[in-house]
Amino acid sequence: MRYPYNPENFTSFHSSETVYDKAFLTRLYREMLRIRRIEEEIASRYHEDEMKSPIHLVIGQESTAVGVCAALEKTDLAFCGHRTHGVYLAKGGDLKAMMSELYCRANGCAGSRGGSMHLFDKSVGMESSSAIVAGSIPTSVGAAFASQRRKDKFICVSFLGDAATEEGAFWEALNFAALHKLPIVFICENNFFSVCSPLEVRQPKVAIYKKAESFGVPSVQIDGTKVLEVYAAARQAVERARSGAGPSFIESVAYRYLGHGGATDDSASGYRDPAEVEHWREHDPISTFHDFLVSKSQLTATEIEQMEKEIRSEVLSAFEHAISSPEPGEEELMTHVYSD
């Protein structure tokens, strides 16, 4: 097996003695479950060919977005790449607006111009996303630089994939952020693959966080399947950025169950062993957190059932809203176009 799960590889931030109240723990679980159910519904309907947008699902990686965003204020800014749904929803984005965007409706969060890979919503601090690998990273550093110079109170969080660390734009941005001690946190979601290319054929056998560390940036590799580990690491990095101490780099290791793009598992094409996917499913971030909460008497079967009902109702309502929403008219063709 190419990438077996091994908790001993990761830096631990969450002490067993740390006490979180039930409301907070339940919120984390509900947000992860909600993202999972939303994306499962997207996957189940994608074959209908009504969502005219390429999709990149985060199923298997939900704990990174939820854990990080739980450490942020609403006014903090999030930037991400093409795999946007988890960050958008965890940051407080509107589900109906997101689904309208996937269906290319006029009332989508990007007015039908962005699709799945370019979700944004300034009202909740979802500042930008880009389909270009590493494309949003320089923008996030620029926003952090502006925040520092204007003495604003917000910090920036740049979500990126492991492949983004193969782009010069990332290293230039990291260098600039380190040099100026900018209020930014880099979150690398390492799921081991760039489309169908595994990590070992793309990068030397040096952990990504170690490379970032060489810039003098506090850097760690964490278990991205454990939401409390993610939250604890993110909270420390966020506090560092907010205090003026500069950037941090977090490599959050998790695994995507479905293909790079689309709604199916493409393992059968041969680039990864289907047994590897099943191995990681045994360490699923939602089911393992569910078991933890039940074992600590923080969650009951009745509460879970009620959650599922509420989420299901919300999801169906959002799809109905999107499908029945108006398409953009011809008069909108030149809106936001900056050339004649």
C-alpha atoms as a PDB file:
ATOM      1  CA  MET A   1       0.000   0.000   0.000  1.00  0.00           C
ATOM      2  CA  ARG A   2       1.459   3.311  -1.100  1.00  0.00           C
ATOM      3  CA  TYR A   3       0.153   5.652   1.598  1.00  0.00           C
ATOM      4  CA  PRO A   4      -0.929   3.778   4.730  1.00  0.00           C
ATOM      5  CA  TYR A   5      -2.445   5.806   7.537  1.00  0.00           C
ATOM      6  CA  ASN A   6       0.001   6.136  10.422  1.00  0.00           C
ATOM      7  CA  PRO A   7      -0.905   8.474  13.303  1.00  0.00           C
ATOM      8  CA  GLU A   8       2.659   8.219  14.629  1.00  0.00           C
ATOM      9  CA  ASN A   9       3.831  10.328  11.680  1.00  0.00           C
ATOM     10  CA  PHE A  10       2.025  13.439  12.840  1.00  0.00           C
ATOM     11  CA  THR A  11       2.627  16.201  15.337  1.00  0.00           C
ATOM     12  CA  SER A  12      -0.066  16.048  18.005  1.00  0.00           C
ATOM     13  CA  PHE A  13      -1.688  19.279  19.160  1.00  0.00           C
ATOM     14  CA  HIS A  14      -4.715  17.923  20.953  1.00  0.00           C
ATOM     15  CA  SER A  15      -4.208  16.723  24.522  1.00  0.00           C
ATOM     16  CA  SER A  16      -6.605  14.140  25.891  1.00  0.00           C
ATOM     17  CA  GLU A  17      -6.951  16.485  28.845  1.00  0.00           C
ATOM     18  CA  THR A  18      -8.223  19.347  26.691  1.00  0.00           C
ATOM     19  CA  VAL A  19     -11.865  19.998  27.462  1.00  0.00           C
ATOM     20  CA  TYR A  20     -14.289  21.275  24.839  1.00  0.00           C
ATOM     21  CA  ASP A  21     -17.933  21.832  25.613  1.00  0.00           C
ATOM     22  CA  LYS A  22     -20.620  19.726  23.995  1.00  0.00           C
ATOM     23  CA  ALA A  23     -21.976  22.562  21.868  1.00  0.00           C
ATOM     24  CA  PHE A  24     -18.589  23.098  20.214  1.00  0.00           C
ATOM     25  CA  LEU A  25     -17.965  19.385  19.625  1.00  0.00           C
ATOM     26  CA  THR A  26     -21.453  18.909  18.221  1.00  0.00           C
ATOM     27  CA  ARG A  27     -20.982  21.886  15.931  1.00  0.00           C
ATOM     28  CA  LEU A  28     -17.786  20.411  14.474  1.00  0.00           C
ATOM     29  CA  TYR A  29     -19.446  17.070  13.869  1.00  0.00           C
ATOM     30  CA  ARG A  30     -22.540  18.630  12.329  1.00  0.00           C
ATOM     31  CA  GLU A  31     -20.522  20.820   9.974  1.00  0.00           C
ATOM     32  CA  MET A  32     -18.477  17.873   8.721  1.00  0.00           C
ATOM     33  CA  LEU A  33     -21.579  15.729   8.321  1.00  0.00           C
ATOM     34  CA  ARG A  34     -23.365  18.559   6.502  1.00  0.00           C
ATOM     35  CA  ILE A  35     -20.530  18.990   3.995  1.00  0.00           C
ATOM     36  CA  ARG A  36     -20.460  15.214   3.408  1.00  0.00           C
ATOM     37  CA  ARG A  37     -24.212  14.984   2.803  1.00  0.00           C
ATOM     38  CA  ILE A  38     -24.208  18.011   0.509  1.00  0.00           C
ATOM     39  CA  GLU A  39     -21.434  16.569  -1.614  1.00  0.00           C
ATOM     40  CA  GLU A  40     -22.980  13.120  -1.705  1.00  0.00           C
ATOM     41  CA  GLU A  41     -26.131  14.711  -3.115  1.00  0.00           C
ATOM     42  CA  ILE A  42     -24.060  16.633  -5.665  1.00  0.00           C
ATOM     43  CA  ALA A  43     -22.358  13.392  -6.683  1.00  0.00           C
ATOM     44  CA  SER A  44     -25.665  11.533  -6.980  1.00  0.00           C
ATOM     45  CA  ARG A  45     -27.119  14.170  -9.333  1.00  0.00           C
ATOM     46  CA  TYR A  46     -24.062  15.158 -11.312  1.00  0.00           C
ATOM     47  CA  HIS A  47     -24.755  12.600 -14.053  1.00  0.00           C
ATOM     48  CA  GLU A  48     -27.928  14.524 -14.928  1.00  0.00           C
ATOM     49  CA  ASP A  49     -25.626  17.068 -16.617  1.00  0.00           C
ATOM     50  CA  GLU A  50     -27.551  20.046 -15.256  1.00  0.00           C
ATOM     51  CA  MET A  51     -24.666  21.319 -13.138  1.00  0.00           C
ATOM     52  CA  LYS A  52     -22.635  22.898 -15.914  1.00  0.00           C
ATOM     53  CA  SER A  53     -19.531  23.207 -13.812  1.00  0.00           C
ATOM     54  CA  PRO A  54     -16.585  20.866 -13.229  1.00  0.00           C
ATOM     55  CA  ILE A  55     -16.607  19.733  -9.596  1.00  0.00           C
ATOM     56  CA  HIS A  56     -13.863  18.696  -7.177  1.00  0.00           C
ATOM     57  CA  LEU A  57     -15.302  17.081  -4.074  1.00  0.00           C
ATOM     58  CA  VAL A  58     -13.750  17.059  -0.605  1.00  0.00           C
ATOM     59  CA  ILE A  59     -15.274  13.788   0.580  1.00  0.00           C
ATOM     60  CA  GLY A  60     -12.722  12.343   3.011  1.00  0.00           C
ATOM     61  CA  GLN A  61     -11.090  15.716   3.713  1.00  0.00           C
ATOM     62  CA  GLU A  62     -13.904  17.564   5.517  1.00  0.00           C
ATOM     63  CA  SER A  63     -12.105  17.881   8.844  1.00  0.00           C
ATOM     64  CA  THR A  64      -9.435  20.220   7.493  1.00  0.00           C
ATOM     65  CA  ALA A  65     -11.853  22.925   6.358  1.00  0.00           C
ATOM     66  CA  VAL A  66     -14.055  22.574   9.435  1.00  0.00           C
ATOM     67  CA  GLY A  67     -11.201  22.459  11.936  1.00  0.00           C
ATOM     68  CA  VAL A  68      -9.408  25.460  10.442  1.00  0.00           C
ATOM     69  CA  CYS A  69     -12.477  27.631   9.962  1.00  0.00           C
ATOM     70  CA  ALA A  70     -13.563  26.947  13.554  1.00  0.00           C
ATOM     71  CA  ALA A  71     -10.438  28.839  14.628  1.00  0.00           C
ATOM     72  CA  LEU A  72     -11.270  31.897  12.493  1.00  0.00           C
ATOM     73  CA  GLU A  73     -13.351  35.000  12.949  1.00  0.00           C
ATOM     74  CA  LYS A  74     -15.969  35.895  10.366  1.00  0.00           C
ATOM     75  CA  THR A  75     -13.856  38.881   9.345  1.00  0.00           C
ATOM     76  CA  ASP A  76     -10.792  36.724   8.614  1.00  0.00           C
ATOM     77  CA  LEU A  77     -10.268  35.997   4.933  1.00  0.00           C
ATOM     78  CA  ALA A  78     -10.058  32.563   3.308  1.00  0.00           C
ATOM     79  CA  PHE A  79      -8.463  31.882  -0.069  1.00  0.00           C
ATOM     80  CA  CYS A  80      -8.411  28.492  -1.771  1.00  0.00           C
ATOM     81  CA  GLY A  81      -7.787  26.585  -4.950  1.00  0.00           C
ATOM     82  CA  HIS A  82     -10.188  24.550  -7.083  1.00  0.00           C
ATOM     83  CA  ARG A  83     -11.508  22.234  -4.316  1.00  0.00           C
ATOM     84  CA  THR A  84     -13.737  24.869  -2.760  1.00  0.00           C
ATOM     85  CA  HIS A  85     -16.936  23.421  -1.283  1.00  0.00           C
ATOM     86  CA  GLY A  86     -15.599  22.485   2.147  1.00  0.00           C
ATOM     87  CA  VAL A  87     -13.948  25.845   2.806  1.00  0.00           C
ATOM     88  CA  TYR A  88     -16.910  27.806   1.462  1.00  0.00           C
ATOM     89  CA  LEU A  89     -19.418  25.983   3.657  1.00  0.00           C
ATOM     90  CA  ALA A  90     -17.207  25.862   6.751  1.00  0.00           C
ATOM     91  CA  LYS A  91     -16.544  29.607   6.454  1.00  0.00           C
ATOM     92  CA  GLY A  92     -20.282  30.265   6.549  1.00  0.00           C
ATOM     93  CA  GLY A  93     -21.121  30.432   2.855  1.00  0.00           C
ATOM     94  CA  ASP A  94     -24.769  30.226   1.819  1.00  0.00           C
ATOM     95  CA  LEU A  95     -25.709  26.743   0.574  1.00  0.00           C
ATOM     96  CA  LYS A  96     -28.482  27.981  -1.718  1.00  0.00           C
ATOM     97  CA  ALA A  97     -26.107  30.488  -3.300  1.00  0.00           C
ATOM     98  CA  MET A  98     -23.513  27.747  -3.762  1.00  0.00           C
ATOM     99  CA  MET A  99     -25.934  25.360  -5.417  1.00  0.00           C
ATOM    100  CA  SER A 100     -27.263  28.120  -7.659  1.00  0.00           C
ATOM    101  CA  GLU A 101     -23.671  28.737  -8.733  1.00  0.00           C
ATOM    102  CA  LEU A 102     -23.146  25.072  -9.567  1.00  0.00           C
ATOM    103  CA  TYR A 103     -26.327  25.195 -11.659  1.00  0.00           C
ATOM    104  CA  CYS A 104     -25.091  28.422 -13.317  1.00  0.00           C
ATOM    105  CA  ARG A 105     -28.025  30.471 -12.085  1.00  0.00           C
ATOM    106  CA  ALA A 106     -28.075  34.264 -11.912  1.00  0.00           C
ATOM    107  CA  ASN A 107     -28.389  34.227  -8.113  1.00  0.00           C
ATOM    108  CA  GLY A 108     -25.305  32.070  -7.597  1.00  0.00           C
ATOM    109  CA  CYS A 109     -22.667  33.353  -5.204  1.00  0.00           C
ATOM    110  CA  ALA A 110     -20.538  34.359  -8.205  1.00  0.00           C
ATOM    111  CA  GLY A 111     -23.495  35.316 -10.390  1.00  0.00           C
ATOM    112  CA  SER A 112     -23.071  32.142 -12.521  1.00  0.00           C
ATOM    113  CA  ARG A 113     -19.596  33.282 -13.598  1.00  0.00           C
ATOM    114  CA  GLY A 114     -17.465  31.170 -11.288  1.00  0.00           C
ATOM    115  CA  GLY A 115     -18.852  27.694 -10.944  1.00  0.00           C
ATOM    116  CA  SER A 116     -17.573  25.205  -8.394  1.00  0.00           C
ATOM    117  CA  MET A 117     -13.921  26.210  -8.751  1.00  0.00           C
ATOM    118  CA  HIS A 118     -14.433  29.940  -8.143  1.00  0.00           C
ATOM    119  CA  LEU A 119     -16.769  30.242  -5.175  1.00  0.00           C
ATOM    120  CA  PHE A 120     -16.550  33.433  -3.168  1.00  0.00           C
ATOM    121  CA  ASP A 121     -18.633  35.423  -0.729  1.00  0.00           C
ATOM    122  CA  LYS A 122     -17.153  38.564   0.784  1.00  0.00           C
ATOM    123  CA  SER A 123     -19.897  38.722   3.400  1.00  0.00           C
ATOM    124  CA  VAL A 124     -18.413  35.699   5.191  1.00  0.00           C
ATOM    125  CA  GLY A 125     -14.772  36.233   4.311  1.00  0.00           C
ATOM    126  CA  MET A 126     -14.610  33.685   1.480  1.00  0.00           C
ATOM    127  CA  GLU A 127     -12.411  36.089  -0.407  1.00  0.00           C
ATOM    128  CA  SER A 128     -11.322  34.190  -3.474  1.00  0.00           C
ATOM    129  CA  SER A 129     -10.685  30.827  -5.087  1.00  0.00           C
ATOM    130  CA  SER A 130      -8.873  29.911  -8.271  1.00  0.00           C
ATOM    131  CA  ALA A 131      -8.756  26.961 -10.645  1.00  0.00           C
ATOM    132  CA  ILE A 132      -5.120  27.815 -11.395  1.00  0.00           C
ATOM    133  CA  VAL A 133      -2.842  25.704  -9.209  1.00  0.00           C
ATOM    134  CA  ALA A 134      -1.335  28.089  -6.615  1.00  0.00           C
ATOM    135  CA  GLY A 135      -3.259  30.910  -8.283  1.00  0.00           C
ATOM    136  CA  SER A 136      -4.850  32.303  -5.138  1.00  0.00           C
ATOM    137  CA  ILE A 137      -1.710  32.116  -2.973  1.00  0.00           C
ATOM    138  CA  PRO A 138      -0.068  35.393  -4.096  1.00  0.00           C
ATOM    139  CA  THR A 139      -3.456  37.091  -3.711  1.00  0.00           C
ATOM    140  CA  SER A 140      -3.770  35.836  -0.143  1.00  0.00           C
ATOM    141  CA  VAL A 141      -0.306  37.140   0.724  1.00  0.00           C
ATOM    142  CA  GLY A 142      -1.140  40.478  -0.872  1.00  0.00           C
ATOM    143  CA  ALA A 143      -4.275  40.720   1.276  1.00  0.00           C
ATOM    144  CA  ALA A 144      -2.239  39.875   4.385  1.00  0.00           C
ATOM    145  CA  PHE A 145       0.305  42.540   3.445  1.00  0.00           C
ATOM    146  CA  ALA A 146      -2.504  45.093   3.062  1.00  0.00           C
ATOM    147  CA  SER A 147      -3.967  44.071   6.422  1.00  0.00           C
ATOM    148  CA  GLN A 148      -0.595  44.596   8.076  1.00  0.00           C
ATOM    149  CA  ARG A 149       0.046  47.975   6.453  1.00  0.00           C
ATOM    150  CA  ARG A 150      -3.429  49.304   7.191  1.00  0.00           C
ATOM    151  CA  LYS A 151      -3.302  47.875  10.698  1.00  0.00           C
ATOM    152  CA  ASP A 152      -6.500  45.933  10.098  1.00  0.00           C
ATOM    153  CA  LYS A 153      -7.410  43.167  12.503  1.00  0.00           C
ATOM    154  CA  PHE A 154      -8.142  40.352  10.069  1.00  0.00           C
ATOM    155  CA  ILE A 155      -5.782  37.550   9.166  1.00  0.00           C
ATOM    156  CA  CYS A 156      -5.655  35.514   5.971  1.00  0.00           C
ATOM    157  CA  VAL A 157      -5.720  31.757   5.497  1.00  0.00           C
ATOM    158  CA  SER A 158      -4.471  30.260   2.260  1.00  0.00           C
ATOM    159  CA  PHE A 159      -5.759  26.739   1.521  1.00  0.00           C
ATOM    160  CA  LEU A 160      -3.660  24.883  -1.036  1.00  0.00           C
ATOM    161  CA  GLY A 161      -3.083  21.360  -2.270  1.00  0.00           C
ATOM    162  CA  ASP A 162       0.180  19.427  -2.232  1.00  0.00           C
ATOM    163  CA  ALA A 163       0.673  20.167  -5.948  1.00  0.00           C
ATOM    164  CA  ALA A 164       0.629  23.912  -5.264  1.00  0.00           C
ATOM    165  CA  THR A 165       3.938  23.477  -3.442  1.00  0.00           C
ATOM    166  CA  GLU A 166       5.465  22.583  -6.824  1.00  0.00           C
ATOM    167  CA  GLU A 167       4.775  26.066  -8.161  1.00  0.00           C
ATOM    168  CA  GLY A 168       7.202  28.958  -7.902  1.00  0.00           C
ATOM    169  CA  ALA A 169       4.351  31.269  -6.920  1.00  0.00           C
ATOM    170  CA  PHE A 170       3.968  29.430  -3.622  1.00  0.00           C
ATOM    171  CA  TRP A 171       7.624  29.692  -2.608  1.00  0.00           C
ATOM    172  CA  GLU A 172       7.830  33.344  -3.602  1.00  0.00           C
ATOM    173  CA  ALA A 173       4.693  34.036  -1.567  1.00  0.00           C
ATOM    174  CA  LEU A 174       5.989  32.080   1.439  1.00  0.00           C
ATOM    175  CA  ASN A 175       9.311  33.937   1.262  1.00  0.00           C
ATOM    176  CA  PHE A 176       7.559  37.324   1.157  1.00  0.00           C
ATOM    177  CA  ALA A 177       5.223  36.389   4.022  1.00  0.00           C
ATOM    178  CA  ALA A 178       8.133  35.219   6.163  1.00  0.00           C
ATOM    179  CA  LEU A 179      10.248  38.279   5.378  1.00  0.00           C
ATOM    180  CA  HIS A 180       7.489  40.707   6.371  1.00  0.00           C
ATOM    181  CA  LYS A 181       5.989  38.601   9.179  1.00  0.00           C
ATOM    182  CA  LEU A 182       2.569  38.769   7.570  1.00  0.00           C
ATOM    183  CA  PRO A 183      -0.672  37.726   9.324  1.00  0.00           C
ATOM    184  CA  ILE A 184      -1.305  34.607   7.264  1.00  0.00           C
ATOM    185  CA  VAL A 185      -1.606  30.859   7.768  1.00  0.00           C
ATOM    186  CA  PHE A 186      -0.855  28.431   4.934  1.00  0.00           C
ATOM    187  CA  ILE A 187      -2.933  25.235   5.052  1.00  0.00           C
ATOM    188  CA  CYS A 188      -1.608  22.523   2.756  1.00  0.00           C
ATOM    189  CA  GLU A 189      -4.190  19.779   2.240  1.00  0.00           C
ATOM    190  CA  ASN A 190      -1.960  16.868   1.290  1.00  0.00           C
ATOM    191  CA  ASN A 191      -4.056  14.075  -0.203  1.00  0.00           C
ATOM    192  CA  PHE A 192      -1.015  12.557  -1.990  1.00  0.00           C
ATOM    193  CA  PHE A 193      -2.236  13.058  -5.560  1.00  0.00           C
ATOM    194  CA  SER A 194      -2.236  15.764  -8.205  1.00  0.00           C
ATOM    195  CA  VAL A 195      -4.974  14.565 -10.555  1.00  0.00           C
ATOM    196  CA  CYS A 196      -3.594  11.028 -11.126  1.00  0.00           C
ATOM    197  CA  SER A 197       0.065  11.644 -10.291  1.00  0.00           C
ATOM    198  CA  PRO A 198       1.198  10.355  -6.886  1.00  0.00           C
ATOM    199  CA  LEU A 199       3.395  12.431  -4.637  1.00  0.00           C
ATOM    200  CA  GLU A 200       6.492  10.246  -5.025  1.00  0.00           C
ATOM    201  CA  VAL A 201       6.799  10.937  -8.763  1.00  0.00           C
ATOM    202  CA  ARG A 202       6.407  14.686  -8.272  1.00  0.00           C
ATOM    203  CA  GLN A 203       8.501  15.576  -5.240  1.00  0.00           C
ATOM    204  CA  PRO A 204      11.693  14.370  -3.507  1.00  0.00           C
ATOM    205  CA  LYS A 205      11.133  12.324  -0.348  1.00  0.00           C
ATOM    206  CA  VAL A 206      11.186  15.304   1.988  1.00  0.00           C
ATOM    207  CA  ALA A 207       8.024  16.143   3.900  1.00  0.00           C
ATOM    208  CA  ILE A 208       6.382  19.265   2.540  1.00  0.00           C
ATOM    209  CA  TYR A 209       6.272  20.974   5.918  1.00  0.00           C
ATOM    210  CA  LYS A 210      10.033  20.520   6.272  1.00  0.00           C
ATOM    211  CA  LYS A 211      10.563  22.527   3.085  1.00  0.00           C
ATOM    212  CA  ALA A 212       8.359  25.336   4.400  1.00  0.00           C
ATOM    213  CA  GLU A 213      10.203  25.201   7.701  1.00  0.00           C
ATOM    214  CA  SER A 214      13.457  26.037   5.919  1.00  0.00           C
ATOM    215  CA  PHE A 215      12.084  29.541   5.327  1.00  0.00           C
ATOM    216  CA  GLY A 216      11.989  30.125   9.070  1.00  0.00           C
ATOM    217  CA  VAL A 217       8.240  29.627   9.163  1.00  0.00           C
ATOM    218  CA  PRO A 218       6.854  27.504  12.044  1.00  0.00           C
ATOM    219  CA  SER A 219       5.633  24.395  10.222  1.00  0.00           C
ATOM    220  CA  VAL A 220       3.955  21.148  11.247  1.00  0.00           C
ATOM    221  CA  GLN A 221       2.456  18.040   9.711  1.00  0.00           C
ATOM    222  CA  ILE A 222      -0.816  17.000  11.347  1.00  0.00           C
ATOM    223  CA  ASP A 223      -3.394  14.240  11.114  1.00  0.00           C
ATOM    224  CA  GLY A 224      -5.977  15.794   8.823  1.00  0.00           C
ATOM    225  CA  THR A 225      -8.503  13.067   9.606  1.00  0.00           C
ATOM    226  CA  LYS A 226      -8.863  14.315  13.202  1.00  0.00           C
ATOM    227  CA  VAL A 227     -10.809  17.543  13.418  1.00  0.00           C
ATOM    228  CA  LEU A 228      -9.655  18.375  16.950  1.00  0.00           C
ATOM    229  CA  GLU A 229      -6.010  18.061  15.904  1.00  0.00           C
ATOM    230  CA  VAL A 230      -6.705  20.366  12.979  1.00  0.00           C
ATOM    231  CA  TYR A 231      -8.518  22.870  15.166  1.00  0.00           C
ATOM    232  CA  ALA A 232      -5.796  22.931  17.836  1.00  0.00           C
ATOM    233  CA  ALA A 233      -3.012  23.436  15.284  1.00  0.00           C
ATOM    234  CA  ALA A 234      -5.002  26.086  13.412  1.00  0.00           C
ATOM    235  CA  ARG A 235      -5.870  27.955  16.592  1.00  0.00           C
ATOM    236  CA  GLN A 236      -2.199  28.188  17.554  1.00  0.00           C
ATOM    237  CA  ALA A 237      -1.232  29.393  14.071  1.00  0.00           C
ATOM    238  CA  VAL A 238      -4.099  31.891  13.961  1.00  0.00           C
ATOM    239  CA  GLU A 239      -3.136  33.311  17.357  1.00  0.00           C
ATOM    240  CA  ARG A 240       0.436  33.646  16.146  1.00  0.00           C
ATOM    241  CA  ALA A 241      -0.628  35.519  13.022  1.00  0.00           C
ATOM    242  CA  ARG A 242      -3.024  37.767  14.918  1.00  0.00           C
ATOM    243  CA  SER A 243      -0.375  38.682  17.478  1.00  0.00           C
ATOM    244  CA  GLY A 244       1.980  39.954  14.774  1.00  0.00           C
ATOM    245  CA  ALA A 245       4.435  37.044  15.031  1.00  0.00           C
ATOM    246  CA  GLY A 246       4.084  36.161  11.357  1.00  0.00           C
ATOM    247  CA  PRO A 247       3.015  33.217   9.186  1.00  0.00           C
ATOM    248  CA  SER A 248       2.707  29.506   9.919  1.00  0.00           C
ATOM    249  CA  PHE A 249       2.487  26.470   7.640  1.00  0.00           C
ATOM    250  CA  ILE A 250       0.297  23.470   8.403  1.00  0.00           C
ATOM    251  CA  GLU A 251       0.433  20.303   6.316  1.00  0.00           C
ATOM    252  CA  SER A 252      -2.842  18.502   6.945  1.00  0.00           C
ATOM    253  CA  VAL A 253      -2.708  14.919   5.691  1.00  0.00           C
ATOM    254  CA  ALA A 254      -5.974  13.283   4.632  1.00  0.00           C
ATOM    255  CA  TYR A 255      -7.244  11.322   1.647  1.00  0.00           C
ATOM    256  CA  ARG A 256      -9.835  12.013  -1.012  1.00  0.00           C
ATOM    257  CA  TYR A 257     -12.061   9.018  -1.674  1.00  0.00           C
ATOM    258  CA  LEU A 258     -13.368  10.060  -5.080  1.00  0.00           C
ATOM    259  CA  GLY A 259     -11.524  11.102  -8.202  1.00  0.00           C
ATOM    260  CA  HIS A 260      -9.636  14.328  -8.703  1.00  0.00           C
ATOM    261  CA  GLY A 261     -12.662  15.731 -10.511  1.00  0.00           C
ATOM    262  CA  GLY A 262     -16.194  14.546 -11.067  1.00  0.00           C
ATOM    263  CA  ALA A 263     -18.446  12.399  -8.940  1.00  0.00           C
ATOM    264  CA  THR A 264     -16.959   8.897  -9.062  1.00  0.00           C
ATOM    265  CA  ASP A 265     -14.001   6.947  -7.710  1.00  0.00           C
ATOM    266  CA  ASP A 266     -11.523   6.691 -10.568  1.00  0.00           C
ATOM    267  CA  SER A 267      -9.180   4.230  -8.821  1.00  0.00           C
ATOM    268  CA  ALA A 268     -10.052   1.529 -11.341  1.00  0.00           C
ATOM    269  CA  SER A 269      -8.085   3.474 -13.956  1.00  0.00           C
ATOM    270  CA  GLY A 270      -4.985   2.100 -12.255  1.00  0.00           C
ATOM    271  CA  TYR A 271      -3.261   5.120 -10.758  1.00  0.00           C
ATOM    272  CA  ARG A 272      -4.081   4.011  -7.209  1.00  0.00           C
ATOM    273  CA  ASP A 273      -5.092   0.764  -5.586  1.00  0.00           C
ATOM    274  CA  PRO A 274      -8.800   0.630  -4.637  1.00  0.00           C
ATOM    275  CA  ALA A 275      -7.667  -1.132  -1.443  1.00  0.00           C
ATOM    276  CA  GLU A 276      -5.798   2.040  -0.531  1.00  0.00           C
ATOM    277  CA  VAL A 277      -9.028   4.032  -0.694  1.00  0.00           C
ATOM    278  CA  GLU A 278     -10.793   1.483   1.504  1.00  0.00           C
ATOM    279  CA  HIS A 279      -7.890   1.549   3.949  1.00  0.00           C
ATOM    280  CA  TRP A 280      -8.290   5.301   4.422  1.00  0.00           C
ATOM    281  CA  ARG A 281     -12.062   4.968   4.703  1.00  0.00           C
ATOM    282  CA  GLU A 282     -11.413   2.976   7.884  1.00  0.00           C
ATOM    283  CA  HIS A 283     -10.024   6.218   9.315  1.00  0.00           C
ATOM    284  CA  ASP A 284     -12.846   8.382   8.011  1.00  0.00           C
ATOM    285  CA  PRO A 285     -12.868  11.802   9.759  1.00  0.00           C
ATOM    286  CA  ILE A 286     -16.617  11.778  10.343  1.00  0.00           C
ATOM    287  CA  SER A 287     -17.139   8.199  11.503  1.00  0.00           C
ATOM    288  CA  THR A 288     -14.116   8.274  13.813  1.00  0.00           C
ATOM    289  CA  PHE A 289     -15.229  11.574  15.352  1.00  0.00           C
ATOM    290  CA  HIS A 290     -18.744  10.137  15.681  1.00  0.00           C
ATOM    291  CA  ASP A 291     -17.355   7.166  17.604  1.00  0.00           C
ATOM    292  CA  PHE A 292     -15.274   9.466  19.804  1.00  0.00           C
ATOM    293  CA  LEU A 293     -18.254  11.661  20.690  1.00  0.00           C
ATOM    294  CA  VAL A 294     -20.511   8.699  21.398  1.00  0.00           C
ATOM    295  CA  SER A 295     -17.855   7.118  23.607  1.00  0.00           C
ATOM    296  CA  LYS A 296     -17.607  10.372  25.584  1.00  0.00           C
ATOM    297  CA  SER A 297     -21.419  10.622  25.873  1.00  0.00           C
ATOM    298  CA  GLN A 298     -21.351  13.864  23.886  1.00  0.00           C
ATOM    299  CA  LEU A 299     -23.681  12.648  21.147  1.00  0.00           C
ATOM    300  CA  THR A 300     -26.718  10.374  21.166  1.00  0.00           C
ATOM    301  CA  ALA A 301     -28.448   8.365  18.460  1.00  0.00           C
ATOM    302  CA  THR A 302     -31.484  10.638  18.754  1.00  0.00           C
ATOM    303  CA  GLU A 303     -29.364  13.751  18.233  1.00  0.00           C
ATOM    304  CA  ILE A 304     -27.672  12.227  15.214  1.00  0.00           C
ATOM    305  CA  GLU A 305     -31.005  11.218  13.695  1.00  0.00           C
ATOM    306  CA  GLN A 306     -32.324  14.745  14.157  1.00  0.00           C
ATOM    307  CA  MET A 307     -29.180  16.195  12.575  1.00  0.00           C
ATOM    308  CA  GLU A 308     -29.559  13.935   9.561  1.00  0.00           C
ATOM    309  CA  LYS A 309     -33.185  14.983   9.104  1.00  0.00           C
ATOM    310  CA  GLU A 310     -32.392  18.686   9.347  1.00  0.00           C
ATOM    311  CA  ILE A 311     -29.459  18.430   6.950  1.00  0.00           C
ATOM    312  CA  ARG A 312     -31.446  16.365   4.467  1.00  0.00           C
ATOM    313  CA  SER A 313     -34.254  18.901   4.480  1.00  0.00           C
ATOM    314  CA  GLU A 314     -31.810  21.778   3.986  1.00  0.00           C
ATOM    315  CA  VAL A 315     -30.019  20.008   1.138  1.00  0.00           C
ATOM    316  CA  LEU A 316     -33.201  19.179  -0.781  1.00  0.00           C
ATOM    317  CA  SER A 317     -34.449  22.739  -0.311  1.00  0.00           C
ATOM    318  CA  ALA A 318     -31.170  24.143  -1.652  1.00  0.00           C
ATOM    319  CA  PHE A 319     -31.315  21.961  -4.772  1.00  0.00           C
ATOM    320  CA  GLU A 320     -34.938  22.886  -5.385  1.00  0.00           C
ATOM    321  CA  HIS A 321     -34.037  26.556  -4.963  1.00  0.00           C
ATOM    322  CA  ALA A 322     -31.153  26.304  -7.431  1.00  0.00           C
ATOM    323  CA  ILE A 323     -33.057  24.357 -10.083  1.00  0.00           C
ATOM    324  CA  SER A 324     -35.983  26.780  -9.977  1.00  0.00           C
ATOM    325  CA  SER A 325     -33.804  29.911 -10.005  1.00  0.00           C
ATOM    326  CA  PRO A 326     -33.499  32.055 -13.149  1.00  0.00           C
ATOM    327  CA  GLU A 327     -30.665  31.696 -15.592  1.00  0.00           C
ATOM    328  CA  PRO A 328     -28.628  34.820 -16.381  1.00  0.00           C
ATOM    329  CA  GLY A 329     -30.030  36.915 -19.197  1.00  0.00           C
ATOM    330  CA  GLU A 330     -28.285  38.165 -22.295  1.00  0.00           C
ATOM    331  CA  GLU A 331     -28.107  41.627 -20.756  1.00  0.00           C
ATOM    332  CA  GLU A 332     -25.642  40.240 -18.205  1.00  0.00           C
ATOM    333  CA  LEU A 333     -23.061  39.262 -20.819  1.00  0.00           C
ATOM    334  CA  MET A 334     -20.952  42.401 -20.436  1.00  0.00           C
ATOM    335  CA  THR A 335     -21.343  42.825 -16.678  1.00  0.00           C
ATOM    336  CA  HIS A 336     -17.943  42.716 -14.922  1.00  0.00           C
ATOM    337  CA  VAL A 337     -16.163  42.614 -18.283  1.00  0.00           C
ATOM    338  CA  TYR A 338     -13.318  45.111 -18.309  1.00  0.00           C
ATOM    339  CA  SER A 339     -12.734  45.544 -22.027  1.00  0.00           C
ATOM    340  CA  ASP A 340     -14.804  46.841 -24.939  1.00  0.00           C
END
